[in-house]
Amino acid sequence: MSTTEYAHITVNPENVPLIVGTQVKVVEIVLDHLAHGSDAREIHREYPHLSLSQIYSALAYYYDHQVEVDEDIAQRMRKVEQIKERTGPGPVTLKLKAIGRRP
């Protein structure tokens, strides 16, 4: 089976795919795409230092490695929930609850 190479993507020693020459993780681009439905041009407005080629390469990498990247996202979300459980609600949340508002 052949291996696909991505001209704009590298994988660091921690096995995290990054856009070459930057510290931008592929997962950051993917989250913008998934959470907001952003296309490459909309993502480019958020990351003007990236080229459209870099953004398209990140999205292509995601769709070719969707299971692994989705698992990475799920793991990150679990970590966030663990931190929230450990630290409890923040001051803004407590203030909103005190005045009868939902956070």
PDB file of N, CA and C in Angstrom:
ATOM      1  N   MET A   1       0.849  -1.171   0.000  1.00  0.00           N
ATOM      2  CA  MET A   1       0.000   0.000   0.000  1.00  0.00           C
ATOM      3  C   MET A   1       0.897   1.238   0.000  1.00  0.00           C
ATOM      4  N   SER A   2       0.536   2.253  -0.771  1.00  0.00           N
ATOM      5  CA  SER A   2       1.346   3.465  -0.847  1.00  0.00           C
ATOM      6  C   SER A   2       1.008   4.413   0.293  1.00  0.00           C
ATOM      7  N   THR A   3       1.961   5.255   0.631  1.00  0.00           N
ATOM      8  CA  THR A   3       1.784   6.252   1.676  1.00  0.00           C
ATOM      9  C   THR A   3       1.548   7.603   1.019  1.00  0.00           C
ATOM     10  N   THR A   4       0.552   8.319   1.498  1.00  0.00           N
ATOM     11  CA  THR A   4       0.274   9.651   0.983  1.00  0.00           C
ATOM     12  C   THR A   4       1.108  10.652   1.749  1.00  0.00           C
ATOM     13  N   GLU A   5       1.767  11.548   1.016  1.00  0.00           N
ATOM     14  CA  GLU A   5       2.531  12.602   1.655  1.00  0.00           C
ATOM     15  C   GLU A   5       1.779  13.909   1.502  1.00  0.00           C
ATOM     16  N   TYR A   6       1.895  14.747   2.505  1.00  0.00           N
ATOM     17  CA  TYR A   6       1.228  16.040   2.523  1.00  0.00           C
ATOM     18  C   TYR A   6       2.317  17.100   2.569  1.00  0.00           C
ATOM     19  N   ALA A   7       2.439  17.874   1.496  1.00  0.00           N
ATOM     20  CA  ALA A   7       3.526  18.845   1.368  1.00  0.00           C
ATOM     21  C   ALA A   7       3.540  19.854   2.509  1.00  0.00           C
ATOM     22  N   HIS A   8       2.401  20.133   3.089  1.00  0.00           N
ATOM     23  CA  HIS A   8       2.319  21.184   4.106  1.00  0.00           C
ATOM     24  C   HIS A   8       2.125  20.656   5.521  1.00  0.00           C
ATOM     25  N   ILE A   9       2.203  19.344   5.697  1.00  0.00           N
ATOM     26  CA  ILE A   9       1.950  18.744   7.007  1.00  0.00           C
ATOM     27  C   ILE A   9       3.171  17.951   7.453  1.00  0.00           C
ATOM     28  N   THR A  10       3.500  18.111   8.726  1.00  0.00           N
ATOM     29  CA  THR A  10       4.551  17.309   9.342  1.00  0.00           C
ATOM     30  C   THR A  10       3.985  16.741  10.637  1.00  0.00           C
ATOM     31  N   VAL A  11       4.562  15.664  11.100  1.00  0.00           N
ATOM     32  CA  VAL A  11       4.147  15.068  12.375  1.00  0.00           C
ATOM     33  C   VAL A  11       5.319  15.211  13.329  1.00  0.00           C
ATOM     34  N   ASN A  12       5.080  15.842  14.485  1.00  0.00           N
ATOM     35  CA  ASN A  12       6.170  16.080  15.426  1.00  0.00           C
ATOM     36  C   ASN A  12       6.487  14.814  16.219  1.00  0.00           C
ATOM     37  N   PRO A  13       7.534  14.839  17.048  1.00  0.00           N
ATOM     38  CA  PRO A  13       7.904  13.636  17.806  1.00  0.00           C
ATOM     39  C   PRO A  13       6.804  13.120  18.734  1.00  0.00           C
ATOM     40  N   GLU A  14       5.871  13.994  19.123  1.00  0.00           N
ATOM     41  CA  GLU A  14       4.748  13.559  19.963  1.00  0.00           C
ATOM     42  C   GLU A  14       3.594  13.006  19.127  1.00  0.00           C
ATOM     43  N   ASN A  15       3.840  12.843  17.819  1.00  0.00           N
ATOM     44  CA  ASN A  15       2.854  12.298  16.880  1.00  0.00           C
ATOM     45  C   ASN A  15       1.673  13.248  16.642  1.00  0.00           C
ATOM     46  N   VAL A  16       1.937  14.551  16.738  1.00  0.00           N
ATOM     47  CA  VAL A  16       0.908  15.562  16.501  1.00  0.00           C
ATOM     48  C   VAL A  16       1.145  16.168  15.119  1.00  0.00           C
ATOM     49  N   PRO A  17       0.168  16.072  14.217  1.00  0.00           N
ATOM     50  CA  PRO A  17       0.327  16.684  12.895  1.00  0.00           C
ATOM     51  C   PRO A  17       0.231  18.210  12.977  1.00  0.00           C
ATOM     52  N   LEU A  18       1.209  18.872  12.379  1.00  0.00           N
ATOM     53  CA  LEU A  18       1.298  20.330  12.362  1.00  0.00           C
ATOM     54  C   LEU A  18       1.433  20.814  10.935  1.00  0.00           C
ATOM     55  N   ILE A  19       1.102  22.085  10.730  1.00  0.00           N
ATOM     56  CA  ILE A  19       1.357  22.710   9.440  1.00  0.00           C
ATOM     57  C   ILE A  19       2.831  23.103   9.428  1.00  0.00           C
ATOM     58  N   VAL A  20       3.547  22.678   8.406  1.00  0.00           N
ATOM     59  CA  VAL A  20       4.983  22.896   8.292  1.00  0.00           C
ATOM     60  C   VAL A  20       5.326  24.374   8.472  1.00  0.00           C
ATOM     61  N   GLY A  21       6.363  24.621   9.283  1.00  0.00           N
ATOM     62  CA  GLY A  21       6.854  25.976   9.490  1.00  0.00           C
ATOM     63  C   GLY A  21       6.033  26.800  10.463  1.00  0.00           C
ATOM     64  N   THR A  22       5.059  26.167  11.114  1.00  0.00           N
ATOM     65  CA  THR A  22       4.208  26.870  12.077  1.00  0.00           C
ATOM     66  C   THR A  22       4.052  25.995  13.315  1.00  0.00           C
ATOM     67  N   GLN A  23       3.380  26.527  14.294  1.00  0.00           N
ATOM     68  CA  GLN A  23       2.996  25.745  15.472  1.00  0.00           C
ATOM     69  C   GLN A  23       1.508  25.400  15.430  1.00  0.00           C
ATOM     70  N   VAL A  24       0.864  25.634  14.276  1.00  0.00           N
ATOM     71  CA  VAL A  24      -0.574  25.377  14.132  1.00  0.00           C
ATOM     72  C   VAL A  24      -0.789  23.878  13.941  1.00  0.00           C
ATOM     73  N   LYS A  25      -1.605  23.326  14.826  1.00  0.00           N
ATOM     74  CA  LYS A  25      -1.933  21.905  14.749  1.00  0.00           C
ATOM     75  C   LYS A  25      -3.063  21.688  13.734  1.00  0.00           C
ATOM     76  N   VAL A  26      -2.993  20.584  13.041  1.00  0.00           N
ATOM     77  CA  VAL A  26      -4.054  20.229  12.099  1.00  0.00           C
ATOM     78  C   VAL A  26      -5.397  20.204  12.824  1.00  0.00           C
ATOM     79  N   VAL A  27      -5.412  19.720  14.050  1.00  0.00           N
ATOM     80  CA  VAL A  27      -6.661  19.620  14.802  1.00  0.00           C
ATOM     81  C   VAL A  27      -7.296  20.997  15.012  1.00  0.00           C
ATOM     82  N   GLU A  28      -6.510  22.062  15.110  1.00  0.00           N
ATOM     83  CA  GLU A  28      -7.066  23.405  15.272  1.00  0.00           C
ATOM     84  C   GLU A  28      -7.853  23.816  14.025  1.00  0.00           C
ATOM     85  N   ILE A  29      -7.297  23.521  12.858  1.00  0.00           N
ATOM     86  CA  ILE A  29      -7.980  23.818  11.600  1.00  0.00           C
ATOM     87  C   ILE A  29      -9.251  22.972  11.498  1.00  0.00           C
ATOM     88  N   VAL A  30      -9.125  21.704  11.851  1.00  0.00           N
ATOM     89  CA  VAL A  30     -10.261  20.780  11.779  1.00  0.00           C
ATOM     90  C   VAL A  30     -11.387  21.227  12.703  1.00  0.00           C
ATOM     91  N   LEU A  31     -11.044  21.670  13.914  1.00  0.00           N
ATOM     92  CA  LEU A  31     -12.074  22.109  14.848  1.00  0.00           C
ATOM     93  C   LEU A  31     -12.836  23.322  14.320  1.00  0.00           C
ATOM     94  N   ASP A  32     -12.130  24.266  13.682  1.00  0.00           N
ATOM     95  CA  ASP A  32     -12.831  25.390  13.051  1.00  0.00           C
ATOM     96  C   ASP A  32     -13.786  24.888  11.979  1.00  0.00           C
ATOM     97  N   HIS A  33     -13.318  23.933  11.206  1.00  0.00           N
ATOM     98  CA  HIS A  33     -14.120  23.367  10.122  1.00  0.00           C
ATOM     99  C   HIS A  33     -15.355  22.645  10.676  1.00  0.00           C
ATOM    100  N   LEU A  34     -15.168  21.835  11.701  1.00  0.00           N
ATOM    101  CA  LEU A  34     -16.273  21.042  12.228  1.00  0.00           C
ATOM    102  C   LEU A  34     -17.218  21.857  13.113  1.00  0.00           C
ATOM    103  N   ALA A  35     -16.667  22.651  14.015  1.00  0.00           N
ATOM    104  CA  ALA A  35     -17.488  23.368  14.983  1.00  0.00           C
ATOM    105  C   ALA A  35     -18.277  24.508  14.358  1.00  0.00           C
ATOM    106  N   HIS A  36     -17.680  25.170  13.375  1.00  0.00           N
ATOM    107  CA  HIS A  36     -18.324  26.345  12.801  1.00  0.00           C
ATOM    108  C   HIS A  36     -18.757  26.142  11.352  1.00  0.00           C
ATOM    109  N   GLY A  37     -18.441  24.988  10.798  1.00  0.00           N
ATOM    110  CA  GLY A  37     -18.778  24.734   9.403  1.00  0.00           C
ATOM    111  C   GLY A  37     -17.957  25.586   8.445  1.00  0.00           C
ATOM    112  N   SER A  38     -16.818  26.064   8.938  1.00  0.00           N
ATOM    113  CA  SER A  38     -15.979  26.958   8.127  1.00  0.00           C
ATOM    114  C   SER A  38     -15.342  26.218   6.964  1.00  0.00           C
ATOM    115  N   ASP A  39     -15.347  26.869   5.799  1.00  0.00           N
ATOM    116  CA  ASP A  39     -14.614  26.313   4.664  1.00  0.00           C
ATOM    117  C   ASP A  39     -13.197  26.899   4.684  1.00  0.00           C
ATOM    118  N   ALA A  40     -12.382  26.516   3.728  1.00  0.00           N
ATOM    119  CA  ALA A  40     -10.973  26.925   3.713  1.00  0.00           C
ATOM    120  C   ALA A  40     -10.815  28.435   3.684  1.00  0.00           C
ATOM    121  N   ARG A  41     -11.631  29.108   2.916  1.00  0.00           N
ATOM    122  CA  ARG A  41     -11.517  30.582   2.831  1.00  0.00           C
ATOM    123  C   ARG A  41     -11.892  31.252   4.156  1.00  0.00           C
ATOM    124  N   GLU A  42     -12.901  30.732   4.818  1.00  0.00           N
ATOM    125  CA  GLU A  42     -13.277  31.290   6.120  1.00  0.00           C
ATOM    126  C   GLU A  42     -12.176  31.020   7.155  1.00  0.00           C
ATOM    127  N   ILE A  43     -11.612  29.841   7.113  1.00  0.00           N
ATOM    128  CA  ILE A  43     -10.508  29.513   8.017  1.00  0.00           C
ATOM    129  C   ILE A  43      -9.317  30.421   7.734  1.00  0.00           C
ATOM    130  N   HIS A  44      -9.089  30.726   6.465  1.00  0.00           N
ATOM    131  CA  HIS A  44      -7.982  31.605   6.084  1.00  0.00           C
ATOM    132  C   HIS A  44      -8.141  32.992   6.713  1.00  0.00           C
ATOM    133  N   ARG A  45      -9.356  33.458   6.871  1.00  0.00           N
ATOM    134  CA  ARG A  45      -9.581  34.752   7.532  1.00  0.00           C
ATOM    135  C   ARG A  45      -9.173  34.699   9.001  1.00  0.00           C
ATOM    136  N   GLU A  46      -9.335  33.529   9.618  1.00  0.00           N
ATOM    137  CA  GLU A  46      -8.939  33.351  11.022  1.00  0.00           C
ATOM    138  C   GLU A  46      -7.428  33.113  11.167  1.00  0.00           C
ATOM    139  N   TYR A  47      -6.831  32.554  10.152  1.00  0.00           N
ATOM    140  CA  TYR A  47      -5.399  32.241  10.141  1.00  0.00           C
ATOM    141  C   TYR A  47      -4.763  32.865   8.902  1.00  0.00           C
ATOM    142  N   PRO A  48      -4.700  34.198   8.816  1.00  0.00           N
ATOM    143  CA  PRO A  48      -4.204  34.832   7.589  1.00  0.00           C
ATOM    144  C   PRO A  48      -2.732  34.534   7.284  1.00  0.00           C
ATOM    145  N   HIS A  49      -2.003  34.062   8.286  1.00  0.00           N
ATOM    146  CA  HIS A  49      -0.594  33.717   8.061  1.00  0.00           C
ATOM    147  C   HIS A  49      -0.435  32.364   7.363  1.00  0.00           C
ATOM    148  N   LEU A  50      -1.521  31.618   7.232  1.00  0.00           N
ATOM    149  CA  LEU A  50      -1.486  30.341   6.516  1.00  0.00           C
ATOM    150  C   LEU A  50      -1.968  30.554   5.087  1.00  0.00           C
ATOM    151  N   SER A  51      -1.401  29.788   4.176  1.00  0.00           N
ATOM    152  CA  SER A  51      -1.875  29.843   2.793  1.00  0.00           C
ATOM    153  C   SER A  51      -3.094  28.931   2.645  1.00  0.00           C
ATOM    154  N   LEU A  52      -3.853  29.161   1.615  1.00  0.00           N
ATOM    155  CA  LEU A  52      -4.981  28.263   1.335  1.00  0.00           C
ATOM    156  C   LEU A  52      -4.481  26.844   1.103  1.00  0.00           C
ATOM    157  N   SER A  53      -3.316  26.709   0.489  1.00  0.00           N
ATOM    158  CA  SER A  53      -2.748  25.375   0.259  1.00  0.00           C
ATOM    159  C   SER A  53      -2.499  24.651   1.578  1.00  0.00           C
ATOM    160  N   GLN A  54      -1.988  25.372   2.563  1.00  0.00           N
ATOM    161  CA  GLN A  54      -1.750  24.767   3.873  1.00  0.00           C
ATOM    162  C   GLN A  54      -3.066  24.335   4.519  1.00  0.00           C
ATOM    163  N   ILE A  55      -4.071  25.175   4.405  1.00  0.00           N
ATOM    164  CA  ILE A  55      -5.373  24.857   5.006  1.00  0.00           C
ATOM    165  C   ILE A  55      -6.016  23.664   4.300  1.00  0.00           C
ATOM    166  N   TYR A  56      -5.997  23.663   2.978  1.00  0.00           N
ATOM    167  CA  TYR A  56      -6.550  22.521   2.241  1.00  0.00           C
ATOM    168  C   TYR A  56      -5.787  21.239   2.566  1.00  0.00           C
ATOM    169  N   SER A  57      -4.482  21.346   2.736  1.00  0.00           N
ATOM    170  CA  SER A  57      -3.682  20.175   3.082  1.00  0.00           C
ATOM    171  C   SER A  57      -4.077  19.645   4.462  1.00  0.00           C
ATOM    172  N   ALA A  58      -4.315  20.556   5.418  1.00  0.00           N
ATOM    173  CA  ALA A  58      -4.752  20.143   6.752  1.00  0.00           C
ATOM    174  C   ALA A  58      -6.102  19.432   6.682  1.00  0.00           C
ATOM    175  N   LEU A  59      -7.013  19.967   5.874  1.00  0.00           N
ATOM    176  CA  LEU A  59      -8.326  19.333   5.734  1.00  0.00           C
ATOM    177  C   LEU A  59      -8.215  17.982   5.030  1.00  0.00           C
ATOM    178  N   ALA A  60      -7.359  17.896   4.017  1.00  0.00           N
ATOM    179  CA  ALA A  60      -7.147  16.614   3.336  1.00  0.00           C
ATOM    180  C   ALA A  60      -6.560  15.591   4.306  1.00  0.00           C
ATOM    181  N   TYR A  61      -5.598  16.038   5.107  1.00  0.00           N
ATOM    182  CA  TYR A  61      -5.006  15.143   6.109  1.00  0.00           C
ATOM    183  C   TYR A  61      -6.096  14.625   7.045  1.00  0.00           C
ATOM    184  N   TYR A  62      -6.965  15.531   7.479  1.00  0.00           N
ATOM    185  CA  TYR A  62      -8.053  15.121   8.370  1.00  0.00           C
ATOM    186  C   TYR A  62      -8.923  14.044   7.724  1.00  0.00           C
ATOM    187  N   TYR A  63      -9.371  14.282   6.502  1.00  0.00           N
ATOM    188  CA  TYR A  63     -10.275  13.315   5.884  1.00  0.00           C
ATOM    189  C   TYR A  63      -9.589  11.992   5.564  1.00  0.00           C
ATOM    190  N   ASP A  64      -8.273  12.014   5.393  1.00  0.00           N
ATOM    191  CA  ASP A  64      -7.532  10.765   5.189  1.00  0.00           C
ATOM    192  C   ASP A  64      -7.215  10.058   6.504  1.00  0.00           C
ATOM    193  N   HIS A  65      -7.282  10.776   7.637  1.00  0.00           N
ATOM    194  CA  HIS A  65      -6.955  10.233   8.962  1.00  0.00           C
ATOM    195  C   HIS A  65      -8.065  10.562   9.956  1.00  0.00           C
ATOM    196  N   GLN A  66      -9.294  10.538   9.485  1.00  0.00           N
ATOM    197  CA  GLN A  66     -10.431  11.007  10.270  1.00  0.00           C
ATOM    198  C   GLN A  66     -10.595  10.258  11.584  1.00  0.00           C
ATOM    199  N   VAL A  67     -10.434   8.965  11.583  1.00  0.00           N
ATOM    200  CA  VAL A  67     -10.625   8.187  12.815  1.00  0.00           C
ATOM    201  C   VAL A  67      -9.619   8.632  13.875  1.00  0.00           C
ATOM    202  N   GLU A  68      -8.354   8.752  13.488  1.00  0.00           N
ATOM    203  CA  GLU A  68      -7.313   9.152  14.453  1.00  0.00           C
ATOM    204  C   GLU A  68      -7.526  10.577  14.948  1.00  0.00           C
ATOM    205  N   VAL A  69      -7.855  11.493  14.052  1.00  0.00           N
ATOM    206  CA  VAL A  69      -8.035  12.898  14.450  1.00  0.00           C
ATOM    207  C   VAL A  69      -9.296  13.035  15.298  1.00  0.00           C
ATOM    208  N   ASP A  70     -10.359  12.345  14.950  1.00  0.00           N
ATOM    209  CA  ASP A  70     -11.577  12.395  15.757  1.00  0.00           C
ATOM    210  C   ASP A  70     -11.314  11.847  17.162  1.00  0.00           C
ATOM    211  N   GLU A  71     -10.510  10.811  17.263  1.00  0.00           N
ATOM    212  CA  GLU A  71     -10.153  10.269  18.582  1.00  0.00           C
ATOM    213  C   GLU A  71      -9.322  11.283  19.363  1.00  0.00           C
ATOM    214  N   ASP A  72      -8.418  11.983  18.692  1.00  0.00           N
ATOM    215  CA  ASP A  72      -7.633  13.031  19.340  1.00  0.00           C
ATOM    216  C   ASP A  72      -8.559  14.123  19.877  1.00  0.00           C
ATOM    217  N   ILE A  73      -9.542  14.520  19.095  1.00  0.00           N
ATOM    218  CA  ILE A  73     -10.502  15.534  19.531  1.00  0.00           C
ATOM    219  C   ILE A  73     -11.279  15.031  20.747  1.00  0.00           C
ATOM    220  N   ALA A  74     -11.736  13.794  20.705  1.00  0.00           N
ATOM    221  CA  ALA A  74     -12.489  13.221  21.824  1.00  0.00           C
ATOM    222  C   ALA A  74     -11.616  13.173  23.082  1.00  0.00           C
ATOM    223  N   GLN A  75     -10.360  12.818  22.912  1.00  0.00           N
ATOM    224  CA  GLN A  75      -9.440  12.765  24.053  1.00  0.00           C
ATOM    225  C   GLN A  75      -9.232  14.164  24.641  1.00  0.00           C
ATOM    226  N   ARG A  76      -9.092  15.158  23.790  1.00  0.00           N
ATOM    227  CA  ARG A  76      -8.943  16.541  24.261  1.00  0.00           C
ATOM    228  C   ARG A  76     -10.196  16.992  25.016  1.00  0.00           C
ATOM    229  N   MET A  77     -11.367  16.617  24.537  1.00  0.00           N
ATOM    230  CA  MET A  77     -12.614  16.987  25.201  1.00  0.00           C
ATOM    231  C   MET A  77     -12.727  16.306  26.568  1.00  0.00           C
ATOM    232  N   ARG A  78     -12.300  15.036  26.650  1.00  0.00           N
ATOM    233  CA  ARG A  78     -12.306  14.342  27.942  1.00  0.00           C
ATOM    234  C   ARG A  78     -11.383  15.048  28.929  1.00  0.00           C
ATOM    235  N   LYS A  79     -10.237  15.485  28.437  1.00  0.00           N
ATOM    236  CA  LYS A  79      -9.278  16.187  29.298  1.00  0.00           C
ATOM    237  C   LYS A  79      -9.875  17.498  29.816  1.00  0.00           C
ATOM    238  N   VAL A  80     -10.567  18.227  28.957  1.00  0.00           N
ATOM    239  CA  VAL A  80     -11.225  19.469  29.363  1.00  0.00           C
ATOM    240  C   VAL A  80     -12.252  19.180  30.454  1.00  0.00           C
ATOM    241  N   GLU A  81     -13.054  18.133  30.269  1.00  0.00           N
ATOM    242  CA  GLU A  81     -14.066  17.779  31.263  1.00  0.00           C
ATOM    243  C   GLU A  81     -13.419  17.399  32.594  1.00  0.00           C
ATOM    244  N   GLN A  82     -12.311  16.678  32.549  1.00  0.00           N
ATOM    245  CA  GLN A  82     -11.605  16.316  33.781  1.00  0.00           C
ATOM    246  C   GLN A  82     -11.104  17.557  34.509  1.00  0.00           C
ATOM    247  N   ILE A  83     -10.583  18.508  33.767  1.00  0.00           N
ATOM    248  CA  ILE A  83     -10.102  19.755  34.374  1.00  0.00           C
ATOM    249  C   ILE A  83     -11.267  20.521  34.987  1.00  0.00           C
ATOM    250  N   LYS A  84     -12.381  20.587  34.267  1.00  0.00           N
ATOM    251  CA  LYS A  84     -13.564  21.273  34.792  1.00  0.00           C
ATOM    252  C   LYS A  84     -14.043  20.638  36.093  1.00  0.00           C
ATOM    253  N   GLU A  85     -14.060  19.301  36.130  1.00  0.00           N
ATOM    254  CA  GLU A  85     -14.489  18.593  37.337  1.00  0.00           C
ATOM    255  C   GLU A  85     -13.544  18.878  38.496  1.00  0.00           C
ATOM    256  N   ARG A  86     -12.262  18.935  38.199  1.00  0.00           N
ATOM    257  CA  ARG A  86     -11.253  19.148  39.235  1.00  0.00           C
ATOM    258  C   ARG A  86     -11.270  20.587  39.765  1.00  0.00           C
ATOM    259  N   THR A  87     -11.506  21.552  38.893  1.00  0.00           N
ATOM    260  CA  THR A  87     -11.415  22.949  39.301  1.00  0.00           C
ATOM    261  C   THR A  87     -12.758  23.545  39.705  1.00  0.00           C
ATOM    262  N   GLY A  88     -13.845  22.940  39.296  1.00  0.00           N
ATOM    263  CA  GLY A  88     -15.154  23.470  39.629  1.00  0.00           C
ATOM    264  C   GLY A  88     -15.503  24.670  38.766  1.00  0.00           C
ATOM    265  N   PRO A  89     -16.658  25.264  39.022  1.00  0.00           N
ATOM    266  CA  PRO A  89     -17.095  26.395  38.199  1.00  0.00           C
ATOM    267  C   PRO A  89     -16.219  27.628  38.428  1.00  0.00           C
ATOM    268  N   GLY A  90     -16.081  28.405  37.382  1.00  0.00           N
ATOM    269  CA  GLY A  90     -15.295  29.628  37.456  1.00  0.00           C
ATOM    270  C   GLY A  90     -16.096  30.771  38.053  1.00  0.00           C
ATOM    271  N   PRO A  91     -15.441  31.898  38.309  1.00  0.00           N
ATOM    272  CA  PRO A  91     -16.118  33.029  38.955  1.00  0.00           C
ATOM    273  C   PRO A  91     -17.270  33.602  38.137  1.00  0.00           C
ATOM    274  N   VAL A  92     -17.151  33.607  36.831  1.00  0.00           N
ATOM    275  CA  VAL A  92     -18.243  34.130  35.999  1.00  0.00           C
ATOM    276  C   VAL A  92     -19.461  33.215  36.101  1.00  0.00           C
ATOM    277  N   THR A  93     -19.242  31.922  36.046  1.00  0.00           N
ATOM    278  CA  THR A  93     -20.333  30.956  36.180  1.00  0.00           C
ATOM    279  C   THR A  93     -21.020  31.110  37.533  1.00  0.00           C
ATOM    280  N   LEU A  94     -20.243  31.245  38.585  1.00  0.00           N
ATOM    281  CA  LEU A  94     -20.817  31.413  39.924  1.00  0.00           C
ATOM    282  C   LEU A  94     -21.623  32.705  40.029  1.00  0.00           C
ATOM    283  N   LYS A  95     -21.119  33.772  39.431  1.00  0.00           N
ATOM    284  CA  LYS A  95     -21.824  35.058  39.457  1.00  0.00           C
ATOM    285  C   LYS A  95     -23.153  34.959  38.704  1.00  0.00           C
ATOM    286  N   LEU A  96     -23.120  34.307  37.535  1.00  0.00           N
ATOM    287  CA  LEU A  96     -24.352  34.140  36.761  1.00  0.00           C
ATOM    288  C   LEU A  96     -25.377  33.314  37.524  1.00  0.00           C
ATOM    289  N   LYS A  97     -24.914  32.247  38.164  1.00  0.00           N
ATOM    290  CA  LYS A  97     -25.836  31.414  38.948  1.00  0.00           C
ATOM    291  C   LYS A  97     -26.421  32.208  40.107  1.00  0.00           C
ATOM    292  N   ALA A  98     -25.615  33.057  40.708  1.00  0.00           N
ATOM    293  CA  ALA A  98     -26.068  33.857  41.859  1.00  0.00           C
ATOM    294  C   ALA A  98     -27.187  34.815  41.485  1.00  0.00           C
ATOM    295  N   ILE A  99     -27.199  35.262  40.254  1.00  0.00           N
ATOM    296  CA  ILE A  99     -28.265  36.188  39.826  1.00  0.00           C
ATOM    297  C   ILE A  99     -29.366  35.463  39.034  1.00  0.00           C
ATOM    298  N   GLY A 100     -29.311  34.142  39.083  1.00  0.00           N
ATOM    299  CA  GLY A 100     -30.365  33.353  38.447  1.00  0.00           C
ATOM    300  C   GLY A 100     -30.253  33.179  36.955  1.00  0.00           C
ATOM    301  N   ARG A 101     -29.055  33.360  36.413  1.00  0.00           N
ATOM    302  CA  ARG A 101     -28.843  33.192  34.981  1.00  0.00           C
ATOM    303  C   ARG A 101     -28.088  31.902  34.718  1.00  0.00           C
ATOM    304  N   ARG A 102     -28.321  31.386  33.527  1.00  0.00           N
ATOM    305  CA  ARG A 102     -27.578  30.192  33.113  1.00  0.00           C
ATOM    306  C   ARG A 102     -26.251  30.608  32.491  1.00  0.00           C
ATOM    307  N   PRO A 103     -25.187  29.882  32.814  1.00  0.00           N
ATOM    308  CA  PRO A 103     -23.889  30.195  32.198  1.00  0.00           C
ATOM    309  C   PRO A 103     -23.839  29.813  30.744  1.00  0.00           C
TER     310      PRO A 103
END
